[in-house]
Amino acid sequence: VTSPEAQVPPHLAPVLDVALGRFFTCAVQESYEIVCWGDSSQYSTPFVLDPPQGTYYQAIAATTFEACAITLDRFVHCWGRPFISAM
């Protein structure tokens, strides 16, 4: 059984890279823009599904709750569940 949140968006262009989180997927499209989809309501803490806009990316990786991508000029942007610092 596939839930609606798990379906690939119909507007997805060919992709260069893909990353899978626990309840989400993100892909770097051939336009170097990122699109993410999934169900952010599954998280017990606030979760940002949308990546930073206005930047072009070359690669992406994900953990259970976060995604990080490398920009074309080699900076790293991360988003997802707020990071928790250890004491």
C-alpha atoms as a PDB file:
ATOM      1  CA  VAL A   1       0.000   0.000   0.000  1.00  0.00           C
ATOM      2  CA  THR A   2       1.378   3.405  -0.981  1.00  0.00           C
ATOM      3  CA  SER A   3       0.259   6.486   0.886  1.00  0.00           C
ATOM      4  CA  PRO A   4      -0.262   9.718  -1.082  1.00  0.00           C
ATOM      5  CA  GLU A   5       2.747  11.264   0.704  1.00  0.00           C
ATOM      6  CA  ALA A   6       5.048   8.527  -0.648  1.00  0.00           C
ATOM      7  CA  GLN A   7       4.200   9.094  -4.304  1.00  0.00           C
ATOM      8  CA  VAL A   8       6.713  10.887  -6.509  1.00  0.00           C
ATOM      9  CA  PRO A   9       5.427  14.358  -7.405  1.00  0.00           C
ATOM     10  CA  PRO A  10       4.132  14.477 -10.987  1.00  0.00           C
ATOM     11  CA  HIS A  11       6.148  17.649 -11.725  1.00  0.00           C
ATOM     12  CA  LEU A  12       9.504  16.058 -10.807  1.00  0.00           C
ATOM     13  CA  ALA A  13      12.135  16.613 -13.501  1.00  0.00           C
ATOM     14  CA  PRO A  14      14.995  14.150 -14.124  1.00  0.00           C
ATOM     15  CA  VAL A  15      17.186  13.968 -11.024  1.00  0.00           C
ATOM     16  CA  LEU A  16      20.918  14.091 -10.360  1.00  0.00           C
ATOM     17  CA  ASP A  17      20.807  12.870  -6.739  1.00  0.00           C
ATOM     18  CA  VAL A  18      18.248  11.596  -4.240  1.00  0.00           C
ATOM     19  CA  ALA A  19      18.139  11.239  -0.445  1.00  0.00           C
ATOM     20  CA  LEU A  20      15.712   9.334   1.768  1.00  0.00           C
ATOM     21  CA  GLY A  21      14.756  10.348   5.295  1.00  0.00           C
ATOM     22  CA  ARG A  22      12.353   8.544   7.586  1.00  0.00           C
ATOM     23  CA  PHE A  23       9.143  10.067   6.240  1.00  0.00           C
ATOM     24  CA  PHE A  24      10.456  12.175   3.369  1.00  0.00           C
ATOM     25  CA  THR A  25      12.431  12.094   0.135  1.00  0.00           C
ATOM     26  CA  CYS A  26      14.421  14.906  -1.501  1.00  0.00           C
ATOM     27  CA  ALA A  27      15.896  15.051  -4.979  1.00  0.00           C
ATOM     28  CA  VAL A  28      18.304  17.364  -6.774  1.00  0.00           C
ATOM     29  CA  GLN A  29      16.745  17.937 -10.189  1.00  0.00           C
ATOM     30  CA  GLU A  30      18.761  18.479 -13.363  1.00  0.00           C
ATOM     31  CA  SER A  31      18.004  22.197 -12.924  1.00  0.00           C
ATOM     32  CA  TYR A  32      20.095  21.949  -9.681  1.00  0.00           C
ATOM     33  CA  GLU A  33      17.021  22.832  -7.623  1.00  0.00           C
ATOM     34  CA  ILE A  34      15.783  20.601  -4.820  1.00  0.00           C
ATOM     35  CA  VAL A  35      12.284  19.292  -4.359  1.00  0.00           C
ATOM     36  CA  CYS A  36      11.197  17.367  -1.246  1.00  0.00           C
ATOM     37  CA  TRP A  37       8.039  15.431  -0.540  1.00  0.00           C
ATOM     38  CA  GLY A  38       6.661  13.314   2.261  1.00  0.00           C
ATOM     39  CA  ASP A  39       4.703  13.645   5.465  1.00  0.00           C
ATOM     40  CA  SER A  40       6.178  16.104   7.957  1.00  0.00           C
ATOM     41  CA  SER A  41       3.210  15.568  10.324  1.00  0.00           C
ATOM     42  CA  GLN A  42       4.782  12.253  11.411  1.00  0.00           C
ATOM     43  CA  TYR A  43       7.411  14.080  13.481  1.00  0.00           C
ATOM     44  CA  SER A  44       6.867  14.897  17.141  1.00  0.00           C
ATOM     45  CA  THR A  45       8.913  18.113  16.852  1.00  0.00           C
ATOM     46  CA  PRO A  46       8.572  20.829  14.190  1.00  0.00           C
ATOM     47  CA  PHE A  47       9.953  19.731  10.849  1.00  0.00           C
ATOM     48  CA  VAL A  48      10.721  21.873   7.816  1.00  0.00           C
ATOM     49  CA  LEU A  49      10.283  19.834   4.641  1.00  0.00           C
ATOM     50  CA  ASP A  50      11.170  22.580   2.163  1.00  0.00           C
ATOM     51  CA  PRO A  51      14.846  23.249   1.382  1.00  0.00           C
ATOM     52  CA  PRO A  52      16.294  26.773   1.206  1.00  0.00           C
ATOM     53  CA  GLN A  53      15.209  28.455  -2.047  1.00  0.00           C
ATOM     54  CA  GLY A  54      17.167  30.553  -4.500  1.00  0.00           C
ATOM     55  CA  THR A  55      20.250  28.353  -4.436  1.00  0.00           C
ATOM     56  CA  TYR A  56      21.486  25.665  -6.783  1.00  0.00           C
ATOM     57  CA  TYR A  57      22.669  22.314  -5.424  1.00  0.00           C
ATOM     58  CA  GLN A  58      24.856  19.484  -6.678  1.00  0.00           C
ATOM     59  CA  ALA A  59      24.345  16.736  -4.085  1.00  0.00           C
ATOM     60  CA  ILE A  60      22.091  15.841  -1.168  1.00  0.00           C
ATOM     61  CA  ALA A  61      22.134  13.500   1.837  1.00  0.00           C
ATOM     62  CA  ALA A  62      19.606  12.753   4.551  1.00  0.00           C
ATOM     63  CA  THR A  63      19.406  11.309   8.023  1.00  0.00           C
ATOM     64  CA  THR A  64      16.243  10.198   9.742  1.00  0.00           C
ATOM     65  CA  PHE A  65      15.127  13.745  10.470  1.00  0.00           C
ATOM     66  CA  GLU A  66      17.364  16.147   8.491  1.00  0.00           C
ATOM     67  CA  ALA A  67      18.607  16.768   4.971  1.00  0.00           C
ATOM     68  CA  CYS A  68      21.777  18.568   3.912  1.00  0.00           C
ATOM     69  CA  ALA A  69      22.798  19.601   0.427  1.00  0.00           C
ATOM     70  CA  ILE A  70      25.971  20.950  -1.144  1.00  0.00           C
ATOM     71  CA  THR A  71      25.586  24.080  -3.256  1.00  0.00           C
ATOM     72  CA  LEU A  72      27.349  24.518  -6.573  1.00  0.00           C
ATOM     73  CA  ASP A  73      29.776  26.891  -4.833  1.00  0.00           C
ATOM     74  CA  ARG A  74      30.465  24.243  -2.139  1.00  0.00           C
ATOM     75  CA  PHE A  75      28.499  25.531   0.835  1.00  0.00           C
ATOM     76  CA  VAL A  76      26.321  23.192   2.898  1.00  0.00           C
ATOM     77  CA  HIS A  77      22.688  23.950   3.751  1.00  0.00           C
ATOM     78  CA  CYS A  78      20.734  21.776   6.190  1.00  0.00           C
ATOM     79  CA  TRP A  79      17.060  21.703   7.101  1.00  0.00           C
ATOM     80  CA  GLY A  80      14.571  19.409   8.819  1.00  0.00           C
ATOM     81  CA  ARG A  81      13.969  18.832  12.505  1.00  0.00           C
ATOM     82  CA  PRO A  82      15.685  21.479  14.638  1.00  0.00           C
ATOM     83  CA  PHE A  83      19.146  20.343  15.611  1.00  0.00           C
ATOM     84  CA  ILE A  84      19.555  19.366  19.265  1.00  0.00           C
ATOM     85  CA  SER A  85      22.899  20.078  20.875  1.00  0.00           C
ATOM     86  CA  ALA A  86      24.300  17.532  23.324  1.00  0.00           C
ATOM     87  CA  MET A  87      25.521  18.659  26.734  1.00  0.00           C
END
